[in-house]
Amino acid sequence: MYAIIKCGGKQYKVSEGDIIDIDYTGKAAKESLEITDVIAVNNGELKTGAAVSSAKVEAVVVLDGTGVNRDKKVVIYKKRRRKDSKLKRGFRKSFTKIRITKIAA
């Protein structure tokens, strides 16, 4: 059984026991999380649309996004030619690591 969920503007294909990285939610470790934005559920038969309007996915936070739980650095570099003008900045996005515990269709 698997489900396709939407979380933070991105879509993930998950099944029970999977561990995924989602955008930072502000939840602490070992807190539960309920995702109600389910796009599709497959339990031998694919269900989409109104058939999954009552479906939900339950998860528990494994690692929160504070401190060292951040993605690799993204470097932003802007240069304007012939003007001796340049700008270099870095950015590291925080994430939350969750474990899918239950898919209720």
PDB file of N, CA and C in Angstrom:
ATOM      1  N   MET A   1       0.851  -1.178   0.000  1.00  0.00           N
ATOM      2  CA  MET A   1       0.000   0.000   0.000  1.00  0.00           C
ATOM      3  C   MET A   1       0.890   1.233   0.000  1.00  0.00           C
ATOM      4  N   TYR A   2       0.567   2.173  -0.859  1.00  0.00           N
ATOM      5  CA  TYR A   2       1.299   3.427  -0.876  1.00  0.00           C
ATOM      6  C   TYR A   2       0.337   4.583  -1.084  1.00  0.00           C
ATOM      7  N   ALA A   3       0.819   5.780  -0.780  1.00  0.00           N
ATOM      8  CA  ALA A   3       0.018   6.989  -0.954  1.00  0.00           C
ATOM      9  C   ALA A   3       0.909   8.072  -1.542  1.00  0.00           C
ATOM     10  N   ILE A   4       0.296   8.989  -2.254  1.00  0.00           N
ATOM     11  CA  ILE A   4       0.995  10.169  -2.758  1.00  0.00           C
ATOM     12  C   ILE A   4       0.452  11.352  -1.973  1.00  0.00           C
ATOM     13  N   ILE A   5       1.353  12.019  -1.242  1.00  0.00           N
ATOM     14  CA  ILE A   5       0.945  13.130  -0.384  1.00  0.00           C
ATOM     15  C   ILE A   5       1.560  14.419  -0.887  1.00  0.00           C
ATOM     16  N   LYS A   6       0.940  15.524  -0.499  1.00  0.00           N
ATOM     17  CA  LYS A   6       1.460  16.844  -0.836  1.00  0.00           C
ATOM     18  C   LYS A   6       1.798  17.538   0.476  1.00  0.00           C
ATOM     19  N   CYS A   7       3.048  17.967   0.594  1.00  0.00           N
ATOM     20  CA  CYS A   7       3.509  18.576   1.832  1.00  0.00           C
ATOM     21  C   CYS A   7       4.527  19.659   1.487  1.00  0.00           C
ATOM     22  N   GLY A   8       4.213  20.896   1.812  1.00  0.00           N
ATOM     23  CA  GLY A   8       5.138  21.989   1.545  1.00  0.00           C
ATOM     24  C   GLY A   8       5.308  22.294   0.069  1.00  0.00           C
ATOM     25  N   GLY A   9       4.279  22.069  -0.741  1.00  0.00           N
ATOM     26  CA  GLY A   9       4.362  22.357  -2.163  1.00  0.00           C
ATOM     27  C   GLY A   9       5.030  21.265  -2.978  1.00  0.00           C
ATOM     28  N   LYS A  10       5.422  20.177  -2.342  1.00  0.00           N
ATOM     29  CA  LYS A  10       6.064  19.066  -3.040  1.00  0.00           C
ATOM     30  C   LYS A  10       5.229  17.810  -2.840  1.00  0.00           C
ATOM     31  N   GLN A  11       5.368  16.859  -3.763  1.00  0.00           N
ATOM     32  CA  GLN A  11       4.633  15.608  -3.676  1.00  0.00           C
ATOM     33  C   GLN A  11       5.598  14.463  -3.386  1.00  0.00           C
ATOM     34  N   TYR A  12       5.171  13.552  -2.515  1.00  0.00           N
ATOM     35  CA  TYR A  12       5.998  12.421  -2.114  1.00  0.00           C
ATOM     36  C   TYR A  12       5.188  11.139  -2.230  1.00  0.00           C
ATOM     37  N   LYS A  13       5.823  10.079  -2.723  1.00  0.00           N
ATOM     38  CA  LYS A  13       5.206   8.754  -2.739  1.00  0.00           C
ATOM     39  C   LYS A  13       5.715   8.027  -1.498  1.00  0.00           C
ATOM     40  N   VAL A  14       4.800   7.664  -0.593  1.00  0.00           N
ATOM     41  CA  VAL A  14       5.190   7.079   0.687  1.00  0.00           C
ATOM     42  C   VAL A  14       4.422   5.790   0.948  1.00  0.00           C
ATOM     43  N   SER A  15       5.031   4.925   1.737  1.00  0.00           N
ATOM     44  CA  SER A  15       4.349   3.755   2.283  1.00  0.00           C
ATOM     45  C   SER A  15       4.715   3.658   3.756  1.00  0.00           C
ATOM     46  N   GLU A  16       4.058   2.785   4.475  1.00  0.00           N
ATOM     47  CA  GLU A  16       4.282   2.690   5.920  1.00  0.00           C
ATOM     48  C   GLU A  16       5.720   2.283   6.216  1.00  0.00           C
ATOM     49  N   GLY A  17       6.336   2.998   7.161  1.00  0.00           N
ATOM     50  CA  GLY A  17       7.713   2.719   7.536  1.00  0.00           C
ATOM     51  C   GLY A  17       8.741   3.558   6.802  1.00  0.00           C
ATOM     52  N   ASP A  18       8.339   4.283   5.766  1.00  0.00           N
ATOM     53  CA  ASP A  18       9.279   5.128   5.020  1.00  0.00           C
ATOM     54  C   ASP A  18       9.731   6.310   5.863  1.00  0.00           C
ATOM     55  N   ILE A  19      10.967   6.748   5.639  1.00  0.00           N
ATOM     56  CA  ILE A  19      11.504   7.948   6.276  1.00  0.00           C
ATOM     57  C   ILE A  19      11.814   8.941   5.166  1.00  0.00           C
ATOM     58  N   ILE A  20      11.201  10.138   5.244  1.00  0.00           N
ATOM     59  CA  ILE A  20      11.403  11.151   4.204  1.00  0.00           C
ATOM     60  C   ILE A  20      11.772  12.487   4.844  1.00  0.00           C
ATOM     61  N   ASP A  21      12.372  13.354   4.035  1.00  0.00           N
ATOM     62  CA  ASP A  21      12.706  14.708   4.451  1.00  0.00           C
ATOM     63  C   ASP A  21      11.684  15.662   3.845  1.00  0.00           C
ATOM     64  N   ILE A  22      11.019  16.447   4.697  1.00  0.00           N
ATOM     65  CA  ILE A  22      10.064  17.444   4.225  1.00  0.00           C
ATOM     66  C   ILE A  22      10.536  18.815   4.683  1.00  0.00           C
ATOM     67  N   ASP A  23       9.883  19.862   4.204  1.00  0.00           N
ATOM     68  CA  ASP A  23      10.225  21.213   4.627  1.00  0.00           C
ATOM     69  C   ASP A  23      10.021  21.360   6.130  1.00  0.00           C
ATOM     70  N   TYR A  24      10.732  22.295   6.717  1.00  0.00           N
ATOM     71  CA  TYR A  24      10.711  22.508   8.164  1.00  0.00           C
ATOM     72  C   TYR A  24       9.292  22.791   8.645  1.00  0.00           C
ATOM     73  N   THR A  25       8.840  22.053   9.671  1.00  0.00           N
ATOM     74  CA  THR A  25       7.480  22.206  10.184  1.00  0.00           C
ATOM     75  C   THR A  25       7.426  22.863  11.551  1.00  0.00           C
ATOM     76  N   GLY A  26       8.527  22.925  12.266  1.00  0.00           N
ATOM     77  CA  GLY A  26       8.533  23.513  13.597  1.00  0.00           C
ATOM     78  C   GLY A  26       8.163  22.533  14.695  1.00  0.00           C
ATOM     79  N   LYS A  27       7.934  21.280  14.340  1.00  0.00           N
ATOM     80  CA  LYS A  27       7.594  20.256  15.335  1.00  0.00           C
ATOM     81  C   LYS A  27       8.873  19.688  15.942  1.00  0.00           C
ATOM     82  N   ALA A  28       8.797  19.329  17.214  1.00  0.00           N
ATOM     83  CA  ALA A  28       9.942  18.736  17.909  1.00  0.00           C
ATOM     84  C   ALA A  28      10.022  17.243  17.603  1.00  0.00           C
ATOM     85  N   ALA A  29      11.140  16.644  17.943  1.00  0.00           N
ATOM     86  CA  ALA A  29      11.328  15.212  17.719  1.00  0.00           C
ATOM     87  C   ALA A  29      10.312  14.411  18.536  1.00  0.00           C
ATOM     88  N   LYS A  30       9.864  13.307  17.980  1.00  0.00           N
ATOM     89  CA  LYS A  30       8.897  12.369  18.564  1.00  0.00           C
ATOM     90  C   LYS A  30       7.475  12.919  18.647  1.00  0.00           C
ATOM     91  N   GLU A  31       7.201  14.069  18.028  1.00  0.00           N
ATOM     92  CA  GLU A  31       5.825  14.570  17.944  1.00  0.00           C
ATOM     93  C   GLU A  31       5.140  13.923  16.756  1.00  0.00           C
ATOM     94  N   SER A  32       3.819  13.780  16.850  1.00  0.00           N
ATOM     95  CA  SER A  32       3.075  13.194  15.741  1.00  0.00           C
ATOM     96  C   SER A  32       2.648  14.285  14.768  1.00  0.00           C
ATOM     97  N   LEU A  33       2.451  13.878  13.534  1.00  0.00           N
ATOM     98  CA  LEU A  33       2.112  14.795  12.455  1.00  0.00           C
ATOM     99  C   LEU A  33       1.059  14.114  11.591  1.00  0.00           C
ATOM    100  N   GLU A  34       0.000  14.825  11.252  1.00  0.00           N
ATOM    101  CA  GLU A  34      -1.065  14.260  10.433  1.00  0.00           C
ATOM    102  C   GLU A  34      -1.143  15.039   9.129  1.00  0.00           C
ATOM    103  N   ILE A  35      -1.029  14.332   8.012  1.00  0.00           N
ATOM    104  CA  ILE A  35      -1.073  14.951   6.689  1.00  0.00           C
ATOM    105  C   ILE A  35      -2.394  14.569   6.049  1.00  0.00           C
ATOM    106  N   THR A  36      -3.229  15.575   5.791  1.00  0.00           N
ATOM    107  CA  THR A  36      -4.550  15.314   5.218  1.00  0.00           C
ATOM    108  C   THR A  36      -4.606  15.608   3.725  1.00  0.00           C
ATOM    109  N   ASP A  37      -3.559  16.201   3.189  1.00  0.00           N
ATOM    110  CA  ASP A  37      -3.526  16.530   1.762  1.00  0.00           C
ATOM    111  C   ASP A  37      -2.998  15.321   0.984  1.00  0.00           C
ATOM    112  N   VAL A  38      -3.877  14.335   0.782  1.00  0.00           N
ATOM    113  CA  VAL A  38      -3.526  13.093   0.094  1.00  0.00           C
ATOM    114  C   VAL A  38      -4.062  13.172  -1.328  1.00  0.00           C
ATOM    115  N   ILE A  39      -3.200  12.907  -2.302  1.00  0.00           N
ATOM    116  CA  ILE A  39      -3.583  13.001  -3.708  1.00  0.00           C
ATOM    117  C   ILE A  39      -4.094  11.661  -4.233  1.00  0.00           C
ATOM    118  N   ALA A  40      -3.418  10.572  -3.856  1.00  0.00           N
ATOM    119  CA  ALA A  40      -3.812   9.245  -4.338  1.00  0.00           C
ATOM    120  C   ALA A  40      -3.440   8.192  -3.305  1.00  0.00           C
ATOM    121  N   VAL A  41      -4.216   7.102  -3.310  1.00  0.00           N
ATOM    122  CA  VAL A  41      -3.941   5.956  -2.441  1.00  0.00           C
ATOM    123  C   VAL A  41      -4.069   4.695  -3.287  1.00  0.00           C
ATOM    124  N   ASN A  42      -3.094   3.788  -3.151  1.00  0.00           N
ATOM    125  CA  ASN A  42      -3.143   2.521  -3.874  1.00  0.00           C
ATOM    126  C   ASN A  42      -3.098   1.382  -2.867  1.00  0.00           C
ATOM    127  N   ASN A  43      -4.202   0.658  -2.790  1.00  0.00           N
ATOM    128  CA  ASN A  43      -4.291  -0.529  -1.942  1.00  0.00           C
ATOM    129  C   ASN A  43      -4.806  -1.673  -2.808  1.00  0.00           C
ATOM    130  N   GLY A  44      -4.034  -2.004  -3.840  1.00  0.00           N
ATOM    131  CA  GLY A  44      -4.483  -2.978  -4.823  1.00  0.00           C
ATOM    132  C   GLY A  44      -5.261  -2.316  -5.942  1.00  0.00           C
ATOM    133  N   GLU A  45      -5.843  -1.173  -5.656  1.00  0.00           N
ATOM    134  CA  GLU A  45      -6.622  -0.411  -6.634  1.00  0.00           C
ATOM    135  C   GLU A  45      -6.338   1.071  -6.399  1.00  0.00           C
ATOM    136  N   LEU A  46      -6.005   1.793  -7.455  1.00  0.00           N
ATOM    137  CA  LEU A  46      -5.646   3.205  -7.338  1.00  0.00           C
ATOM    138  C   LEU A  46      -6.897   4.060  -7.156  1.00  0.00           C
ATOM    139  N   LYS A  47      -6.900   4.885  -6.117  1.00  0.00           N
ATOM    140  CA  LYS A  47      -8.015   5.791  -5.845  1.00  0.00           C
ATOM    141  C   LYS A  47      -7.493   7.222  -5.870  1.00  0.00           C
ATOM    142  N   THR A  48      -8.205   8.098  -6.563  1.00  0.00           N
ATOM    143  CA  THR A  48      -7.831   9.513  -6.630  1.00  0.00           C
ATOM    144  C   THR A  48      -9.078  10.366  -6.502  1.00  0.00           C
ATOM    145  N   GLY A  49      -8.894  11.666  -6.409  1.00  0.00           N
ATOM    146  CA  GLY A  49     -10.008  12.607  -6.407  1.00  0.00           C
ATOM    147  C   GLY A  49     -10.858  12.526  -5.160  1.00  0.00           C
ATOM    148  N   ALA A  50     -12.187  12.458  -5.355  1.00  0.00           N
ATOM    149  CA  ALA A  50     -13.128  12.462  -4.236  1.00  0.00           C
ATOM    150  C   ALA A  50     -13.029  11.187  -3.398  1.00  0.00           C
ATOM    151  N   ALA A  51     -12.505  10.121  -3.975  1.00  0.00           N
ATOM    152  CA  ALA A  51     -12.395   8.855  -3.246  1.00  0.00           C
ATOM    153  C   ALA A  51     -11.373   8.932  -2.114  1.00  0.00           C
ATOM    154  N   VAL A  52     -10.433   9.860  -2.191  1.00  0.00           N
ATOM    155  CA  VAL A  52      -9.407   9.981  -1.144  1.00  0.00           C
ATOM    156  C   VAL A  52      -9.560  11.270  -0.344  1.00  0.00           C
ATOM    157  N   SER A  53     -10.720  11.889  -0.402  1.00  0.00           N
ATOM    158  CA  SER A  53     -10.912  13.144   0.336  1.00  0.00           C
ATOM    159  C   SER A  53     -10.874  12.933   1.847  1.00  0.00           C
ATOM    160  N   SER A  54     -11.219  11.730   2.309  1.00  0.00           N
ATOM    161  CA  SER A  54     -11.184  11.451   3.747  1.00  0.00           C
ATOM    162  C   SER A  54      -9.905  10.725   4.170  1.00  0.00           C
ATOM    163  N   ALA A  55      -9.003  10.470   3.238  1.00  0.00           N
ATOM    164  CA  ALA A  55      -7.766   9.753   3.563  1.00  0.00           C
ATOM    165  C   ALA A  55      -6.800  10.662   4.305  1.00  0.00           C
ATOM    166  N   LYS A  56      -5.981  10.051   5.154  1.00  0.00           N
ATOM    167  CA  LYS A  56      -4.959  10.810   5.867  1.00  0.00           C
ATOM    168  C   LYS A  56      -3.759   9.916   6.119  1.00  0.00           C
ATOM    169  N   VAL A  57      -2.626  10.567   6.297  1.00  0.00           N
ATOM    170  CA  VAL A  57      -1.375   9.862   6.557  1.00  0.00           C
ATOM    171  C   VAL A  57      -0.841  10.359   7.888  1.00  0.00           C
ATOM    172  N   GLU A  58      -0.527   9.426   8.775  1.00  0.00           N
ATOM    173  CA  GLU A  58       0.020   9.784  10.080  1.00  0.00           C
ATOM    174  C   GLU A  58       1.515   9.502  10.082  1.00  0.00           C
ATOM    175  N   ALA A  59       2.267  10.412  10.716  1.00  0.00           N
ATOM    176  CA  ALA A  59       3.720  10.285  10.763  1.00  0.00           C
ATOM    177  C   ALA A  59       4.223  10.766  12.112  1.00  0.00           C
ATOM    178  N   VAL A  60       5.457  10.421  12.413  1.00  0.00           N
ATOM    179  CA  VAL A  60       6.101  10.885  13.635  1.00  0.00           C
ATOM    180  C   VAL A  60       7.431  11.524  13.234  1.00  0.00           C
ATOM    181  N   VAL A  61       7.783  12.619  13.909  1.00  0.00           N
ATOM    182  CA  VAL A  61       9.001  13.354  13.589  1.00  0.00           C
ATOM    183  C   VAL A  61      10.199  12.597  14.156  1.00  0.00           C
ATOM    184  N   VAL A  62      11.167  12.305  13.293  1.00  0.00           N
ATOM    185  CA  VAL A  62      12.387  11.622  13.717  1.00  0.00           C
ATOM    186  C   VAL A  62      13.442  12.651  14.112  1.00  0.00           C
ATOM    187  N   LEU A  63      13.685  13.630  13.245  1.00  0.00           N
ATOM    188  CA  LEU A  63      14.623  14.726  13.512  1.00  0.00           C
ATOM    189  C   LEU A  63      13.954  16.038  13.157  1.00  0.00           C
ATOM    190  N   ASP A  64      14.061  17.022  14.049  1.00  0.00           N
ATOM    191  CA  ASP A  64      13.524  18.335  13.715  1.00  0.00           C
ATOM    192  C   ASP A  64      14.583  19.121  12.948  1.00  0.00           C
ATOM    193  N   GLY A  65      14.201  20.268  12.426  1.00  0.00           N
ATOM    194  CA  GLY A  65      15.078  21.016  11.530  1.00  0.00           C
ATOM    195  C   GLY A  65      15.995  22.003  12.193  1.00  0.00           C
ATOM    196  N   THR A  66      16.189  21.903  13.490  1.00  0.00           N
ATOM    197  CA  THR A  66      17.052  22.867  14.161  1.00  0.00           C
ATOM    198  C   THR A  66      18.491  22.385  14.167  1.00  0.00           C
ATOM    199  N   GLY A  67      19.393  23.315  14.223  1.00  0.00           N
ATOM    200  CA  GLY A  67      20.808  22.975  14.368  1.00  0.00           C
ATOM    201  C   GLY A  67      21.424  22.371  13.130  1.00  0.00           C
ATOM    202  N   VAL A  68      21.855  21.130  13.243  1.00  0.00           N
ATOM    203  CA  VAL A  68      22.637  20.511  12.177  1.00  0.00           C
ATOM    204  C   VAL A  68      21.790  19.838  11.106  1.00  0.00           C
ATOM    205  N   ASN A  69      20.492  19.795  11.254  1.00  0.00           N
ATOM    206  CA  ASN A  69      19.627  19.114  10.298  1.00  0.00           C
ATOM    207  C   ASN A  69      19.234  20.052   9.170  1.00  0.00           C
ATOM    208  N   ARG A  70      20.214  20.366   8.338  1.00  0.00           N
ATOM    209  CA  ARG A  70      19.961  21.252   7.220  1.00  0.00           C
ATOM    210  C   ARG A  70      20.560  20.654   5.955  1.00  0.00           C
ATOM    211  N   ASP A  71      20.033  21.084   4.809  1.00  0.00           N
ATOM    212  CA  ASP A  71      20.517  20.599   3.523  1.00  0.00           C
ATOM    213  C   ASP A  71      21.904  21.140   3.223  1.00  0.00           C
ATOM    214  N   LYS A  72      22.447  20.704   2.094  1.00  0.00           N
ATOM    215  CA  LYS A  72      23.726  21.225   1.635  1.00  0.00           C
ATOM    216  C   LYS A  72      23.575  22.696   1.277  1.00  0.00           C
ATOM    217  N   LYS A  73      24.684  23.405   1.327  1.00  0.00           N
ATOM    218  CA  LYS A  73      24.650  24.835   1.057  1.00  0.00           C
ATOM    219  C   LYS A  73      24.395  25.105  -0.424  1.00  0.00           C
ATOM    220  N   VAL A  74      23.493  26.037  -0.680  1.00  0.00           N
ATOM    221  CA  VAL A  74      23.221  26.519  -2.020  1.00  0.00           C
ATOM    222  C   VAL A  74      23.917  27.863  -2.140  1.00  0.00           C
ATOM    223  N   VAL A  75      24.770  28.015  -3.148  1.00  0.00           N
ATOM    224  CA  VAL A  75      25.525  29.251  -3.321  1.00  0.00           C
ATOM    225  C   VAL A  75      24.831  30.111  -4.365  1.00  0.00           C
ATOM    226  N   ILE A  76      24.556  31.355  -3.988  1.00  0.00           N
ATOM    227  CA  ILE A  76      23.952  32.325  -4.891  1.00  0.00           C
ATOM    228  C   ILE A  76      25.048  33.303  -5.283  1.00  0.00           C
ATOM    229  N   TYR A  77      25.341  33.399  -6.574  1.00  0.00           N
ATOM    230  CA  TYR A  77      26.417  34.267  -7.040  1.00  0.00           C
ATOM    231  C   TYR A  77      25.873  35.141  -8.157  1.00  0.00           C
ATOM    232  N   LYS A  78      25.933  36.451  -7.972  1.00  0.00           N
ATOM    233  CA  LYS A  78      25.484  37.398  -8.992  1.00  0.00           C
ATOM    234  C   LYS A  78      26.675  38.246  -9.411  1.00  0.00           C
ATOM    235  N   LYS A  79      26.872  38.385 -10.712  1.00  0.00           N
ATOM    236  CA  LYS A  79      27.976  39.193 -11.220  1.00  0.00           C
ATOM    237  C   LYS A  79      27.462  40.062 -12.349  1.00  0.00           C
ATOM    238  N   ARG A  80      27.852  41.302 -12.313  1.00  0.00           N
ATOM    239  CA  ARG A  80      27.513  42.228 -13.390  1.00  0.00           C
ATOM    240  C   ARG A  80      28.781  42.492 -14.181  1.00  0.00           C
ATOM    241  N   ARG A  81      28.742  42.225 -15.443  1.00  0.00           N
ATOM    242  CA  ARG A  81      29.954  42.303 -16.250  1.00  0.00           C
ATOM    243  C   ARG A  81      30.483  43.735 -16.370  1.00  0.00           C
ATOM    244  N   ARG A  82      31.773  43.843 -16.347  1.00  0.00           N
ATOM    245  CA  ARG A  82      32.519  45.091 -16.545  1.00  0.00           C
ATOM    246  C   ARG A  82      32.209  46.164 -15.516  1.00  0.00           C
ATOM    247  N   LYS A  83      31.655  45.841 -14.391  1.00  0.00           N
ATOM    248  CA  LYS A  83      31.327  46.864 -13.398  1.00  0.00           C
ATOM    249  C   LYS A  83      32.026  46.602 -12.065  1.00  0.00           C
ATOM    250  N   ASP A  84      32.816  45.558 -11.991  1.00  0.00           N
ATOM    251  CA  ASP A  84      33.461  45.158 -10.749  1.00  0.00           C
ATOM    252  C   ASP A  84      32.433  45.041  -9.622  1.00  0.00           C
ATOM    253  N   SER A  85      31.286  44.491  -9.982  1.00  0.00           N
ATOM    254  CA  SER A  85      30.205  44.339  -9.024  1.00  0.00           C
ATOM    255  C   SER A  85      29.825  42.867  -8.954  1.00  0.00           C
ATOM    256  N   LYS A  86      29.912  42.299  -7.782  1.00  0.00           N
ATOM    257  CA  LYS A  86      29.536  40.899  -7.612  1.00  0.00           C
ATOM    258  C   LYS A  86      28.993  40.686  -6.208  1.00  0.00           C
ATOM    259  N   LEU A  87      28.216  39.636  -6.059  1.00  0.00           N
ATOM    260  CA  LEU A  87      27.580  39.330  -4.792  1.00  0.00           C
ATOM    261  C   LEU A  87      27.562  37.811  -4.624  1.00  0.00           C
ATOM    262  N   LYS A  88      28.044  37.337  -3.493  1.00  0.00           N
ATOM    263  CA  LYS A  88      28.048  35.904  -3.220  1.00  0.00           C
ATOM    264  C   LYS A  88      27.426  35.672  -1.853  1.00  0.00           C
ATOM    265  N   ARG A  89      26.401  34.828  -1.838  1.00  0.00           N
ATOM    266  CA  ARG A  89      25.721  34.499  -0.590  1.00  0.00           C
ATOM    267  C   ARG A  89      25.460  33.001  -0.553  1.00  0.00           C
ATOM    268  N   GLY A  90      25.338  32.475   0.645  1.00  0.00           N
ATOM    269  CA  GLY A  90      25.033  31.065   0.817  1.00  0.00           C
ATOM    270  C   GLY A  90      23.738  30.893   1.595  1.00  0.00           C
ATOM    271  N   PHE A  91      23.118  29.729   1.405  1.00  0.00           N
ATOM    272  CA  PHE A  91      21.835  29.462   2.046  1.00  0.00           C
ATOM    273  C   PHE A  91      21.736  27.971   2.333  1.00  0.00           C
ATOM    274  N   ARG A  92      21.358  27.614   3.555  1.00  0.00           N
ATOM    275  CA  ARG A  92      21.126  26.219   3.924  1.00  0.00           C
ATOM    276  C   ARG A  92      19.708  26.084   4.450  1.00  0.00           C
ATOM    277  N   LYS A  93      18.904  25.275   3.761  1.00  0.00           N
ATOM    278  CA  LYS A  93      17.501  25.122   4.110  1.00  0.00           C
ATOM    279  C   LYS A  93      17.327  24.071   5.200  1.00  0.00           C
ATOM    280  N   SER A  94      16.533  24.390   6.216  1.00  0.00           N
ATOM    281  CA  SER A  94      16.237  23.437   7.286  1.00  0.00           C
ATOM    282  C   SER A  94      15.159  22.458   6.828  1.00  0.00           C
ATOM    283  N   PHE A  95      15.228  21.240   7.327  1.00  0.00           N
ATOM    284  CA  PHE A  95      14.227  20.242   6.977  1.00  0.00           C
ATOM    285  C   PHE A  95      13.819  19.455   8.213  1.00  0.00           C
ATOM    286  N   THR A  96      12.721  18.728   8.084  1.00  0.00           N
ATOM    287  CA  THR A  96      12.234  17.846   9.131  1.00  0.00           C
ATOM    288  C   THR A  96      12.195  16.432   8.569  1.00  0.00           C
ATOM    289  N   LYS A  97      12.766  15.488   9.281  1.00  0.00           N
ATOM    290  CA  LYS A  97      12.779  14.088   8.854  1.00  0.00           C
ATOM    291  C   LYS A  97      11.643  13.376   9.577  1.00  0.00           C
ATOM    292  N   ILE A  98      10.734  12.743   8.800  1.00  0.00           N
ATOM    293  CA  ILE A  98       9.579  12.071   9.397  1.00  0.00           C
ATOM    294  C   ILE A  98       9.541  10.598   8.996  1.00  0.00           C
ATOM    295  N   ARG A  99       8.880   9.788   9.840  1.00  0.00           N
ATOM    296  CA  ARG A  99       8.646   8.373   9.553  1.00  0.00           C
ATOM    297  C   ARG A  99       7.142   8.172   9.420  1.00  0.00           C
ATOM    298  N   ILE A 100       6.719   7.574   8.318  1.00  0.00           N
ATOM    299  CA  ILE A 100       5.301   7.312   8.073  1.00  0.00           C
ATOM    300  C   ILE A 100       4.880   6.116   8.929  1.00  0.00           C
ATOM    301  N   THR A 101       3.859   6.320   9.763  1.00  0.00           N
ATOM    302  CA  THR A 101       3.418   5.246  10.653  1.00  0.00           C
ATOM    303  C   THR A 101       2.128   4.578  10.188  1.00  0.00           C
ATOM    304  N   LYS A 102       1.237   5.338   9.544  1.00  0.00           N
ATOM    305  CA  LYS A 102      -0.057   4.762   9.176  1.00  0.00           C
ATOM    306  C   LYS A 102      -0.631   5.502   7.977  1.00  0.00           C
ATOM    307  N   ILE A 103      -1.220   4.744   7.063  1.00  0.00           N
ATOM    308  CA  ILE A 103      -1.955   5.315   5.935  1.00  0.00           C
ATOM    309  C   ILE A 103      -3.397   4.863   6.081  1.00  0.00           C
ATOM    310  N   ALA A 104      -4.296   5.813   6.328  1.00  0.00           N
ATOM    311  CA  ALA A 104      -5.717   5.498   6.496  1.00  0.00           C
ATOM    312  C   ALA A 104      -6.468   5.974   5.265  1.00  0.00           C
ATOM    313  N   ALA A 105      -7.022   5.034   4.510  1.00  0.00           N
ATOM    314  CA  ALA A 105      -7.719   5.383   3.274  1.00  0.00           C
ATOM    315  C   ALA A 105      -9.213   5.463   3.496  1.00  0.00           C
TER     316      ALA A 105
END
